[in-house]
Amino acid sequence: MAQRRLHGGAEFIRSMIRDEQNRRALQKLLGLEVDPELPLNFVSLLEALEEAEEGEADEGLTH
Protein backbone atom coordinates (compact mmCIF):
# COMPACT_ATOMS: atom_id res chain seq x y z
CA MET A 1 0.00 0.00 0.00
CA ALA A 2 2.85 2.41 0.81
CA GLN A 3 4.36 1.62 -2.57
CA ARG A 4 1.12 2.66 -4.28
CA ARG A 5 1.19 5.97 -2.42
CA LEU A 6 4.79 6.54 -3.47
CA HIS A 7 3.95 5.70 -7.07
CA GLY A 8 0.96 8.02 -6.92
CA GLY A 9 3.11 10.81 -5.52
CA ALA A 10 5.75 10.29 -8.18
CA GLU A 11 3.11 10.35 -10.89
CA PHE A 12 1.66 13.55 -9.44
CA ILE A 13 5.08 15.21 -9.53
CA ARG A 14 5.65 14.06 -13.10
CA SER A 15 2.29 15.42 -14.19
CA MET A 16 3.08 18.74 -12.54
CA ILE A 17 6.47 19.17 -14.19
CA ARG A 18 5.14 18.17 -17.60
CA ASP A 19 3.31 21.49 -17.63
CA GLU A 20 5.68 24.20 -18.87
CA GLN A 21 4.27 26.90 -16.59
CA ASN A 22 4.68 24.71 -13.48
CA ARG A 23 8.17 23.68 -14.55
CA ARG A 24 9.27 27.31 -14.94
CA ALA A 25 7.77 28.26 -11.58
CA LEU A 26 9.63 25.42 -9.85
CA GLN A 27 12.88 26.32 -11.59
CA LYS A 28 12.55 29.91 -10.42
CA LEU A 29 11.43 28.98 -6.90
CA LEU A 30 14.25 26.49 -6.38
CA GLY A 31 16.86 28.48 -8.27
CA LEU A 32 17.51 25.60 -10.63
CA GLU A 33 19.63 25.90 -13.72
CA VAL A 34 18.45 23.61 -16.48
CA ASP A 35 19.52 22.68 -19.95
CA PRO A 36 16.94 23.77 -22.50
CA GLU A 37 16.74 20.31 -24.08
CA LEU A 38 17.71 16.82 -23.06
CA PRO A 39 19.83 14.73 -25.39
CA LEU A 40 17.69 12.27 -27.37
CA ASN A 41 19.15 9.26 -25.58
CA PHE A 42 18.01 10.75 -22.23
CA VAL A 43 14.52 11.40 -23.59
CA SER A 44 14.19 7.80 -24.77
CA LEU A 45 15.54 6.54 -21.43
CA LEU A 46 12.98 8.60 -19.50
CA GLU A 47 10.19 7.32 -21.74
CA ALA A 48 11.32 3.71 -21.18
CA LEU A 49 11.38 4.26 -17.41
CA GLU A 50 7.89 5.72 -17.43
CA GLU A 51 6.57 2.80 -19.50
CA ALA A 52 8.20 0.31 -17.13
CA GLU A 53 6.70 2.04 -14.10
CA GLU A 54 3.27 2.07 -15.72
CA GLY A 55 3.60 -1.66 -16.41
CA GLU A 56 4.52 -2.30 -12.78
CA ALA A 57 1.54 -0.25 -11.61
CA ASP A 58 -0.77 -2.19 -13.92
CA GLU A 59 0.60 -5.50 -12.59
CA GLY A 60 0.10 -4.31 -9.01
CA LEU A 61 -3.55 -3.60 -9.70
CA THR A 62 -4.23 -7.07 -11.10
CA HIS A 63 -2.63 -8.98 -8.22
PDB file of N, CA and C in Angstrom:
ATOM      1  N   MET A   1       0.826  -1.193   0.000  1.00  0.00           N
ATOM      2  CA  MET A   1       0.000   0.000   0.000  1.00  0.00           C
ATOM      3  C   MET A   1       0.870   1.257   0.000  1.00  0.00           C
ATOM      4  N   ALA A   2       1.950   1.250   0.797  1.00  0.00           N
ATOM      5  CA  ALA A   2       2.845   2.406   0.814  1.00  0.00           C
ATOM      6  C   ALA A   2       3.476   2.611  -0.549  1.00  0.00           C
ATOM      7  N   GLN A   3       3.753   1.512  -1.244  1.00  0.00           N
ATOM      8  CA  GLN A   3       4.355   1.619  -2.571  1.00  0.00           C
ATOM      9  C   GLN A   3       3.393   2.297  -3.546  1.00  0.00           C
ATOM     10  N   ARG A   4       2.117   2.008  -3.425  1.00  0.00           N
ATOM     11  CA  ARG A   4       1.122   2.663  -4.281  1.00  0.00           C
ATOM     12  C   ARG A   4       1.090   4.161  -4.020  1.00  0.00           C
ATOM     13  N   ARG A   5       1.188   4.536  -2.737  1.00  0.00           N
ATOM     14  CA  ARG A   5       1.192   5.970  -2.416  1.00  0.00           C
ATOM     15  C   ARG A   5       2.422   6.634  -2.991  1.00  0.00           C
ATOM     16  N   LEU A   6       3.574   5.971  -2.903  1.00  0.00           N
ATOM     17  CA  LEU A   6       4.790   6.539  -3.473  1.00  0.00           C
ATOM     18  C   LEU A   6       4.668   6.673  -4.980  1.00  0.00           C
ATOM     19  N   HIS A   7       4.131   5.643  -5.623  1.00  0.00           N
ATOM     20  CA  HIS A   7       3.953   5.703  -7.073  1.00  0.00           C
ATOM     21  C   HIS A   7       2.986   6.826  -7.427  1.00  0.00           C
ATOM     22  N   GLY A   8       1.922   6.960  -6.670  1.00  0.00           N
ATOM     23  CA  GLY A   8       0.956   8.022  -6.922  1.00  0.00           C
ATOM     24  C   GLY A   8       1.579   9.398  -6.746  1.00  0.00           C
ATOM     25  N   GLY A   9       2.419   9.542  -5.736  1.00  0.00           N
ATOM     26  CA  GLY A   9       3.112  10.813  -5.516  1.00  0.00           C
ATOM     27  C   GLY A   9       4.084  11.122  -6.632  1.00  0.00           C
ATOM     28  N   ALA A  10       4.808  10.106  -7.080  1.00  0.00           N
ATOM     29  CA  ALA A  10       5.752  10.289  -8.178  1.00  0.00           C
ATOM     30  C   ALA A  10       5.006  10.669  -9.449  1.00  0.00           C
ATOM     31  N   GLU A  11       3.894  10.034  -9.690  1.00  0.00           N
ATOM     32  CA  GLU A  11       3.106  10.347 -10.887  1.00  0.00           C
ATOM     33  C   GLU A  11       2.560  11.773 -10.807  1.00  0.00           C
ATOM     34  N   PHE A  12       2.152  12.186  -9.623  1.00  0.00           N
ATOM     35  CA  PHE A  12       1.664  13.550  -9.443  1.00  0.00           C
ATOM     36  C   PHE A  12       2.761  14.563  -9.765  1.00  0.00           C
ATOM     37  N   ILE A  13       3.964  14.305  -9.265  1.00  0.00           N
ATOM     38  CA  ILE A  13       5.084  15.213  -9.529  1.00  0.00           C
ATOM     39  C   ILE A  13       5.384  15.255 -11.017  1.00  0.00           C
ATOM     40  N   ARG A  14       5.401  14.086 -11.660  1.00  0.00           N
ATOM     41  CA  ARG A  14       5.648  14.055 -13.105  1.00  0.00           C
ATOM     42  C   ARG A  14       4.603  14.853 -13.869  1.00  0.00           C
ATOM     43  N   SER A  15       3.339  14.686 -13.475  1.00  0.00           N
ATOM     44  CA  SER A  15       2.286  15.420 -14.187  1.00  0.00           C
ATOM     45  C   SER A  15       2.439  16.923 -13.972  1.00  0.00           C
ATOM     46  N   MET A  16       2.887  17.324 -12.805  1.00  0.00           N
ATOM     47  CA  MET A  16       3.084  18.744 -12.537  1.00  0.00           C
ATOM     48  C   MET A  16       4.228  19.320 -13.364  1.00  0.00           C
ATOM     49  N   ILE A  17       5.326  18.604 -13.473  1.00  0.00           N
ATOM     50  CA  ILE A  17       6.473  19.167 -14.191  1.00  0.00           C
ATOM     51  C   ILE A  17       6.348  19.019 -15.694  1.00  0.00           C
ATOM     52  N   ARG A  18       5.387  18.243 -16.157  1.00  0.00           N
ATOM     53  CA  ARG A  18       5.143  18.173 -17.603  1.00  0.00           C
ATOM     54  C   ARG A  18       4.572  19.483 -18.118  1.00  0.00           C
ATOM     55  N   ASP A  19       3.888  20.206 -17.256  1.00  0.00           N
ATOM     56  CA  ASP A  19       3.309  21.485 -17.631  1.00  0.00           C
ATOM     57  C   ASP A  19       4.405  22.546 -17.615  1.00  0.00           C
ATOM     58  N   GLU A  20       4.594  23.217 -18.724  1.00  0.00           N
ATOM     59  CA  GLU A  20       5.680  24.196 -18.867  1.00  0.00           C
ATOM     60  C   GLU A  20       5.605  25.312 -17.836  1.00  0.00           C
ATOM     61  N   GLN A  21       4.425  25.805 -17.558  1.00  0.00           N
ATOM     62  CA  GLN A  21       4.268  26.896 -16.586  1.00  0.00           C
ATOM     63  C   GLN A  21       4.696  26.437 -15.187  1.00  0.00           C
ATOM     64  N   ASN A  22       4.276  25.238 -14.783  1.00  0.00           N
ATOM     65  CA  ASN A  22       4.681  24.706 -13.475  1.00  0.00           C
ATOM     66  C   ASN A  22       6.185  24.482 -13.419  1.00  0.00           C
ATOM     67  N   ARG A  23       6.744  23.960 -14.510  1.00  0.00           N
ATOM     68  CA  ARG A  23       8.173  23.683 -14.554  1.00  0.00           C
ATOM     69  C   ARG A  23       8.975  24.978 -14.372  1.00  0.00           C
ATOM     70  N   ARG A  24       8.570  26.026 -15.066  1.00  0.00           N
ATOM     71  CA  ARG A  24       9.273  27.308 -14.944  1.00  0.00           C
ATOM     72  C   ARG A  24       9.151  27.881 -13.534  1.00  0.00           C
ATOM     73  N   ALA A  25       7.964  27.756 -12.948  1.00  0.00           N
ATOM     74  CA  ALA A  25       7.766  28.260 -11.582  1.00  0.00           C
ATOM     75  C   ALA A  25       8.669  27.515 -10.598  1.00  0.00           C
ATOM     76  N   LEU A  26       8.762  26.192 -10.731  1.00  0.00           N
ATOM     77  CA  LEU A  26       9.630  25.416  -9.850  1.00  0.00           C
ATOM     78  C   LEU A  26      11.104  25.766 -10.054  1.00  0.00           C
ATOM     79  N   GLN A  27      11.500  25.945 -11.297  1.00  0.00           N
ATOM     80  CA  GLN A  27      12.878  26.319 -11.585  1.00  0.00           C
ATOM     81  C   GLN A  27      13.224  27.644 -10.911  1.00  0.00           C
ATOM     82  N   LYS A  28      12.318  28.601 -11.015  1.00  0.00           N
ATOM     83  CA  LYS A  28      12.547  29.909 -10.415  1.00  0.00           C
ATOM     84  C   LYS A  28      12.541  29.813  -8.895  1.00  0.00           C
ATOM     85  N   LEU A  29      11.560  29.117  -8.342  1.00  0.00           N
ATOM     86  CA  LEU A  29      11.426  28.979  -6.897  1.00  0.00           C
ATOM     87  C   LEU A  29      12.648  28.305  -6.273  1.00  0.00           C
ATOM     88  N   LEU A  30      13.131  27.263  -6.928  1.00  0.00           N
ATOM     89  CA  LEU A  30      14.251  26.495  -6.376  1.00  0.00           C
ATOM     90  C   LEU A  30      15.612  26.975  -6.875  1.00  0.00           C
ATOM     91  N   GLY A  31      15.606  27.960  -7.747  1.00  0.00           N
ATOM     92  CA  GLY A  31      16.863  28.476  -8.271  1.00  0.00           C
ATOM     93  C   GLY A  31      17.622  27.447  -9.089  1.00  0.00           C
ATOM     94  N   LEU A  32      16.887  26.668  -9.855  1.00  0.00           N
ATOM     95  CA  LEU A  32      17.507  25.604 -10.633  1.00  0.00           C
ATOM     96  C   LEU A  32      17.989  26.117 -11.984  1.00  0.00           C
ATOM     97  N   GLU A  33      19.149  25.639 -12.372  1.00  0.00           N
ATOM     98  CA  GLU A  33      19.625  25.895 -13.716  1.00  0.00           C
ATOM     99  C   GLU A  33      19.362  24.631 -14.514  1.00  0.00           C
ATOM    100  N   VAL A  34      18.779  24.786 -15.675  1.00  0.00           N
ATOM    101  CA  VAL A  34      18.449  23.613 -16.479  1.00  0.00           C
ATOM    102  C   VAL A  34      18.923  23.792 -17.912  1.00  0.00           C
ATOM    103  N   ASP A  35      19.216  22.677 -18.532  1.00  0.00           N
ATOM    104  CA  ASP A  35      19.521  22.683 -19.951  1.00  0.00           C
ATOM    105  C   ASP A  35      18.207  22.815 -20.700  1.00  0.00           C
ATOM    106  N   PRO A  36      18.200  23.580 -21.789  1.00  0.00           N
ATOM    107  CA  PRO A  36      16.937  23.770 -22.498  1.00  0.00           C
ATOM    108  C   PRO A  36      16.368  22.487 -23.092  1.00  0.00           C
ATOM    109  N   GLU A  37      17.222  21.558 -23.505  1.00  0.00           N
ATOM    110  CA  GLU A  37      16.736  20.308 -24.076  1.00  0.00           C
ATOM    111  C   GLU A  37      17.605  19.157 -23.607  1.00  0.00           C
ATOM    112  N   LEU A  38      16.966  18.019 -23.411  1.00  0.00           N
ATOM    113  CA  LEU A  38      17.706  16.815 -23.064  1.00  0.00           C
ATOM    114  C   LEU A  38      18.226  16.161 -24.338  1.00  0.00           C
ATOM    115  N   PRO A  39      19.380  15.513 -24.238  1.00  0.00           N
ATOM    116  CA  PRO A  39      19.831  14.728 -25.391  1.00  0.00           C
ATOM    117  C   PRO A  39      18.808  13.632 -25.705  1.00  0.00           C
ATOM    118  N   LEU A  40      18.697  13.253 -26.953  1.00  0.00           N
ATOM    119  CA  LEU A  40      17.685  12.273 -27.370  1.00  0.00           C
ATOM    120  C   LEU A  40      17.795  10.958 -26.616  1.00  0.00           C
ATOM    121  N   ASN A  41      19.023  10.516 -26.303  1.00  0.00           N
ATOM    122  CA  ASN A  41      19.147   9.256 -25.577  1.00  0.00           C
ATOM    123  C   ASN A  41      18.568   9.378 -24.161  1.00  0.00           C
ATOM    124  N   PHE A  42      18.619  10.556 -23.547  1.00  0.00           N
ATOM    125  CA  PHE A  42      18.009  10.753 -22.235  1.00  0.00           C
ATOM    126  C   PHE A  42      16.493  10.730 -22.344  1.00  0.00           C
ATOM    127  N   VAL A  43      15.974  11.365 -23.384  1.00  0.00           N
ATOM    128  CA  VAL A  43      14.525  11.400 -23.590  1.00  0.00           C
ATOM    129  C   VAL A  43      13.990   9.979 -23.749  1.00  0.00           C
ATOM    130  N   SER A  44      14.664   9.176 -24.570  1.00  0.00           N
ATOM    131  CA  SER A  44      14.194   7.803 -24.773  1.00  0.00           C
ATOM    132  C   SER A  44      14.339   6.984 -23.496  1.00  0.00           C
ATOM    133  N   LEU A  45      15.376   7.239 -22.706  1.00  0.00           N
ATOM    134  CA  LEU A  45      15.538   6.537 -21.433  1.00  0.00           C
ATOM    135  C   LEU A  45      14.411   6.899 -20.473  1.00  0.00           C
ATOM    136  N   LEU A  46      14.079   8.175 -20.382  1.00  0.00           N
ATOM    137  CA  LEU A  46      12.983   8.595 -19.504  1.00  0.00           C
ATOM    138  C   LEU A  46      11.650   7.989 -19.934  1.00  0.00           C
ATOM    139  N   GLU A  47      11.422   7.930 -21.239  1.00  0.00           N
ATOM    140  CA  GLU A  47      10.186   7.318 -21.736  1.00  0.00           C
ATOM    141  C   GLU A  47      10.135   5.841 -21.380  1.00  0.00           C
ATOM    142  N   ALA A  48      11.268   5.141 -21.519  1.00  0.00           N
ATOM    143  CA  ALA A  48      11.319   3.713 -21.182  1.00  0.00           C
ATOM    144  C   ALA A  48      11.063   3.506 -19.695  1.00  0.00           C
ATOM    145  N   LEU A  49      11.614   4.366 -18.851  1.00  0.00           N
ATOM    146  CA  LEU A  49      11.384   4.259 -17.408  1.00  0.00           C
ATOM    147  C   LEU A  49       9.915   4.473 -17.062  1.00  0.00           C
ATOM    148  N   GLU A  50       9.305   5.461 -17.690  1.00  0.00           N
ATOM    149  CA  GLU A  50       7.885   5.721 -17.430  1.00  0.00           C
ATOM    150  C   GLU A  50       7.021   4.546 -17.867  1.00  0.00           C
ATOM    151  N   GLU A  51       7.334   3.963 -19.027  1.00  0.00           N
ATOM    152  CA  GLU A  51       6.571   2.804 -19.500  1.00  0.00           C
ATOM    153  C   GLU A  51       6.738   1.621 -18.551  1.00  0.00           C
ATOM    154  N   ALA A  52       7.952   1.406 -18.066  1.00  0.00           N
ATOM    155  CA  ALA A  52       8.199   0.306 -17.133  1.00  0.00           C
ATOM    156  C   ALA A  52       7.434   0.512 -15.828  1.00  0.00           C
ATOM    157  N   GLU A  53       7.428   1.747 -15.332  1.00  0.00           N
ATOM    158  CA  GLU A  53       6.698   2.035 -14.102  1.00  0.00           C
ATOM    159  C   GLU A  53       5.198   1.849 -14.292  1.00  0.00           C
ATOM    160  N   GLU A  54       4.693   2.255 -15.440  1.00  0.00           N
ATOM    161  CA  GLU A  54       3.269   2.070 -15.720  1.00  0.00           C
ATOM    162  C   GLU A  54       2.927   0.590 -15.778  1.00  0.00           C
ATOM    163  N   GLY A  55       3.807  -0.210 -16.358  1.00  0.00           N
ATOM    164  CA  GLY A  55       3.602  -1.661 -16.413  1.00  0.00           C
ATOM    165  C   GLY A  55       3.581  -2.274 -15.029  1.00  0.00           C
ATOM    166  N   GLU A  56       4.485  -1.806 -14.149  1.00  0.00           N
ATOM    167  CA  GLU A  56       4.516  -2.303 -12.777  1.00  0.00           C
ATOM    168  C   GLU A  56       3.240  -1.911 -12.045  1.00  0.00           C
ATOM    169  N   ALA A  57       2.767  -0.711 -12.271  1.00  0.00           N
ATOM    170  CA  ALA A  57       1.544  -0.254 -11.611  1.00  0.00           C
ATOM    171  C   ALA A  57       0.360  -1.071 -12.077  1.00  0.00           C
ATOM    172  N   ASP A  58       0.307  -1.377 -13.379  1.00  0.00           N
ATOM    173  CA  ASP A  58      -0.767  -2.192 -13.915  1.00  0.00           C
ATOM    174  C   ASP A  58      -0.731  -3.595 -13.329  1.00  0.00           C
ATOM    175  N   GLU A  59       0.464  -4.170 -13.177  1.00  0.00           N
ATOM    176  CA  GLU A  59       0.600  -5.501 -12.588  1.00  0.00           C
ATOM    177  C   GLU A  59       0.157  -5.492 -11.140  1.00  0.00           C
ATOM    178  N   GLY A  60       0.482  -4.421 -10.407  1.00  0.00           N
ATOM    179  CA  GLY A  60       0.097  -4.314  -9.009  1.00  0.00           C
ATOM    180  C   GLY A  60      -1.409  -4.257  -8.832  1.00  0.00           C
ATOM    181  N   LEU A  61      -2.094  -3.709  -9.797  1.00  0.00           N
ATOM    182  CA  LEU A  61      -3.551  -3.596  -9.700  1.00  0.00           C
ATOM    183  C   LEU A  61      -4.235  -4.933  -9.977  1.00  0.00           C
ATOM    184  N   THR A  62      -3.596  -5.792 -10.761  1.00  0.00           N
ATOM    185  CA  THR A  62      -4.225  -7.066 -11.100  1.00  0.00           C
ATOM    186  C   THR A  62      -3.946  -8.147 -10.078  1.00  0.00           C
ATOM    187  N   HIS A  63      -2.958  -7.934  -9.217  1.00  0.00           N
ATOM    188  CA  HIS A  63      -2.630  -8.983  -8.220  1.00  0.00           C
ATOM    189  C   HIS A  63      -3.302  -8.738  -6.917  1.00  0.00           C
TER     190      HIS A  63
END
